[in-house]
């Protein structure tokens, strides 16, 4: 098998000798694109994100959350009697 390997890279960067930073125009275009994409996701996406946020908050505090829930249920039961 004769395999020829390139000794120089076959790609070039988009910075062309300049610092590889994003320009304000590129950031603005990206922000507009993300706003459009997020706007098309709808209400179910927002509801899902809210559920994930609650889960991210409550999961590490599982025992505290259960204790507060039990306290709330006891208080409700006490107020109803």
C-alpha atoms as a PDB file:
ATOM      1  CA  UNK A   1       0.000   0.000   0.000  1.00  0.00           C
ATOM      2  CA  UNK A   2       1.333   3.370  -0.950  1.00  0.00           C
ATOM      3  CA  UNK A   3      -0.065   6.082   1.271  1.00  0.00           C
ATOM      4  CA  UNK A   4       1.006   9.641   0.725  1.00  0.00           C
ATOM      5  CA  UNK A   5       0.836  11.884   3.738  1.00  0.00           C
ATOM      6  CA  UNK A   6       0.734  15.614   3.384  1.00  0.00           C
ATOM      7  CA  UNK A   7       3.573  17.401   5.114  1.00  0.00           C
ATOM      8  CA  UNK A   8       1.711  20.693   5.319  1.00  0.00           C
ATOM      9  CA  UNK A   9      -1.771  21.219   6.675  1.00  0.00           C
ATOM     10  CA  UNK A  10      -4.590  21.378   4.129  1.00  0.00           C
ATOM     11  CA  UNK A  11      -6.574  23.978   6.019  1.00  0.00           C
ATOM     12  CA  UNK A  12      -6.317  27.625   6.846  1.00  0.00           C
ATOM     13  CA  UNK A  13      -7.715  29.662   9.681  1.00  0.00           C
ATOM     14  CA  UNK A  14     -10.303  32.348   9.327  1.00  0.00           C
ATOM     15  CA  UNK A  15      -8.191  34.845  11.246  1.00  0.00           C
ATOM     16  CA  UNK A  16      -5.580  35.291   8.476  1.00  0.00           C
ATOM     17  CA  UNK A  17      -2.902  36.577  10.803  1.00  0.00           C
ATOM     18  CA  UNK A  18      -5.235  38.643  12.969  1.00  0.00           C
ATOM     19  CA  UNK A  19      -6.313  37.722  16.498  1.00  0.00           C
ATOM     20  CA  UNK A  20      -9.001  35.038  16.412  1.00  0.00           C
ATOM     21  CA  UNK A  21     -11.654  37.133  18.167  1.00  0.00           C
ATOM     22  CA  UNK A  22     -15.266  37.654  17.211  1.00  0.00           C
ATOM     23  CA  UNK A  23     -16.238  41.018  15.832  1.00  0.00           C
ATOM     24  CA  UNK A  24     -19.154  43.045  17.219  1.00  0.00           C
ATOM     25  CA  UNK A  25     -21.026  42.446  13.940  1.00  0.00           C
ATOM     26  CA  UNK A  26     -20.645  38.685  14.294  1.00  0.00           C
ATOM     27  CA  UNK A  27     -21.854  38.785  17.889  1.00  0.00           C
ATOM     28  CA  UNK A  28     -24.868  40.888  16.912  1.00  0.00           C
ATOM     29  CA  UNK A  29     -25.756  38.476  14.092  1.00  0.00           C
ATOM     30  CA  UNK A  30     -25.414  35.527  16.472  1.00  0.00           C
ATOM     31  CA  UNK A  31     -27.635  37.245  19.043  1.00  0.00           C
ATOM     32  CA  UNK A  32     -30.328  37.906  16.422  1.00  0.00           C
ATOM     33  CA  UNK A  33     -30.165  34.297  15.265  1.00  0.00           C
ATOM     34  CA  UNK A  34     -30.492  32.943  18.818  1.00  0.00           C
ATOM     35  CA  UNK A  35     -33.423  35.277  19.520  1.00  0.00           C
ATOM     36  CA  UNK A  36     -35.207  34.011  16.412  1.00  0.00           C
ATOM     37  CA  UNK A  37     -34.524  30.364  17.266  1.00  0.00           C
ATOM     38  CA  UNK A  38     -35.646  30.758  20.884  1.00  0.00           C
ATOM     39  CA  UNK A  39     -38.822  32.541  19.778  1.00  0.00           C
ATOM     40  CA  UNK A  40     -39.853  29.599  17.611  1.00  0.00           C
ATOM     41  CA  UNK A  41     -39.687  27.016  20.372  1.00  0.00           C
ATOM     42  CA  UNK A  42     -43.053  27.846  21.889  1.00  0.00           C
ATOM     43  CA  UNK A  43     -44.711  27.556  25.263  1.00  0.00           C
ATOM     44  CA  UNK A  44     -43.906  23.887  25.877  1.00  0.00           C
ATOM     45  CA  UNK A  45     -40.190  24.630  25.641  1.00  0.00           C
ATOM     46  CA  UNK A  46     -40.562  27.404  28.225  1.00  0.00           C
ATOM     47  CA  UNK A  47     -42.512  25.079  30.505  1.00  0.00           C
ATOM     48  CA  UNK A  48     -39.854  22.396  30.142  1.00  0.00           C
ATOM     49  CA  UNK A  49     -37.064  24.876  30.930  1.00  0.00           C
ATOM     50  CA  UNK A  50     -38.971  26.038  34.024  1.00  0.00           C
ATOM     51  CA  UNK A  51     -39.318  22.416  35.160  1.00  0.00           C
ATOM     52  CA  UNK A  52     -35.617  21.820  34.625  1.00  0.00           C
ATOM     53  CA  UNK A  53     -34.789  24.942  36.640  1.00  0.00           C
ATOM     54  CA  UNK A  54     -36.947  23.731  39.550  1.00  0.00           C
ATOM     55  CA  UNK A  55     -35.337  20.295  39.336  1.00  0.00           C
ATOM     56  CA  UNK A  56     -31.828  21.787  39.288  1.00  0.00           C
ATOM     57  CA  UNK A  57     -32.670  23.735  42.430  1.00  0.00           C
ATOM     58  CA  UNK A  58     -34.505  21.000  44.330  1.00  0.00           C
ATOM     59  CA  UNK A  59     -32.489  17.884  43.442  1.00  0.00           C
ATOM     60  CA  UNK A  60     -29.365  18.739  45.464  1.00  0.00           C
ATOM     61  CA  UNK A  61     -31.604  19.690  48.381  1.00  0.00           C
ATOM     62  CA  UNK A  62     -33.834  16.621  48.316  1.00  0.00           C
ATOM     63  CA  UNK A  63     -34.095  16.066  52.075  1.00  0.00           C
ATOM     64  CA  UNK A  64     -34.665  19.762  52.785  1.00  0.00           C
ATOM     65  CA  UNK A  65     -37.301  19.907  50.054  1.00  0.00           C
ATOM     66  CA  UNK A  66     -39.099  16.858  51.474  1.00  0.00           C
ATOM     67  CA  UNK A  67     -38.969  18.287  55.002  1.00  0.00           C
ATOM     68  CA  UNK A  68     -40.388  21.631  53.855  1.00  0.00           C
ATOM     69  CA  UNK A  69     -43.101  19.867  51.860  1.00  0.00           C
ATOM     70  CA  UNK A  70     -44.051  17.775  54.909  1.00  0.00           C
ATOM     71  CA  UNK A  71     -44.119  20.910  57.068  1.00  0.00           C
ATOM     72  CA  UNK A  72     -46.332  22.646  54.516  1.00  0.00           C
ATOM     73  CA  UNK A  73     -48.742  19.709  54.434  1.00  0.00           C
ATOM     74  CA  UNK A  74     -48.900  19.609  58.243  1.00  0.00           C
ATOM     75  CA  UNK A  75     -49.583  23.345  58.364  1.00  0.00           C
ATOM     76  CA  UNK A  76     -52.342  23.052  55.770  1.00  0.00           C
ATOM     77  CA  UNK A  77     -53.920  20.134  57.639  1.00  0.00           C
ATOM     78  CA  UNK A  78     -53.717  22.063  60.921  1.00  0.00           C
ATOM     79  CA  UNK A  79     -55.360  25.150  59.349  1.00  0.00           C
ATOM     80  CA  UNK A  80     -58.190  23.062  57.862  1.00  0.00           C
ATOM     81  CA  UNK A  81     -59.087  21.468  61.212  1.00  0.00           C
END
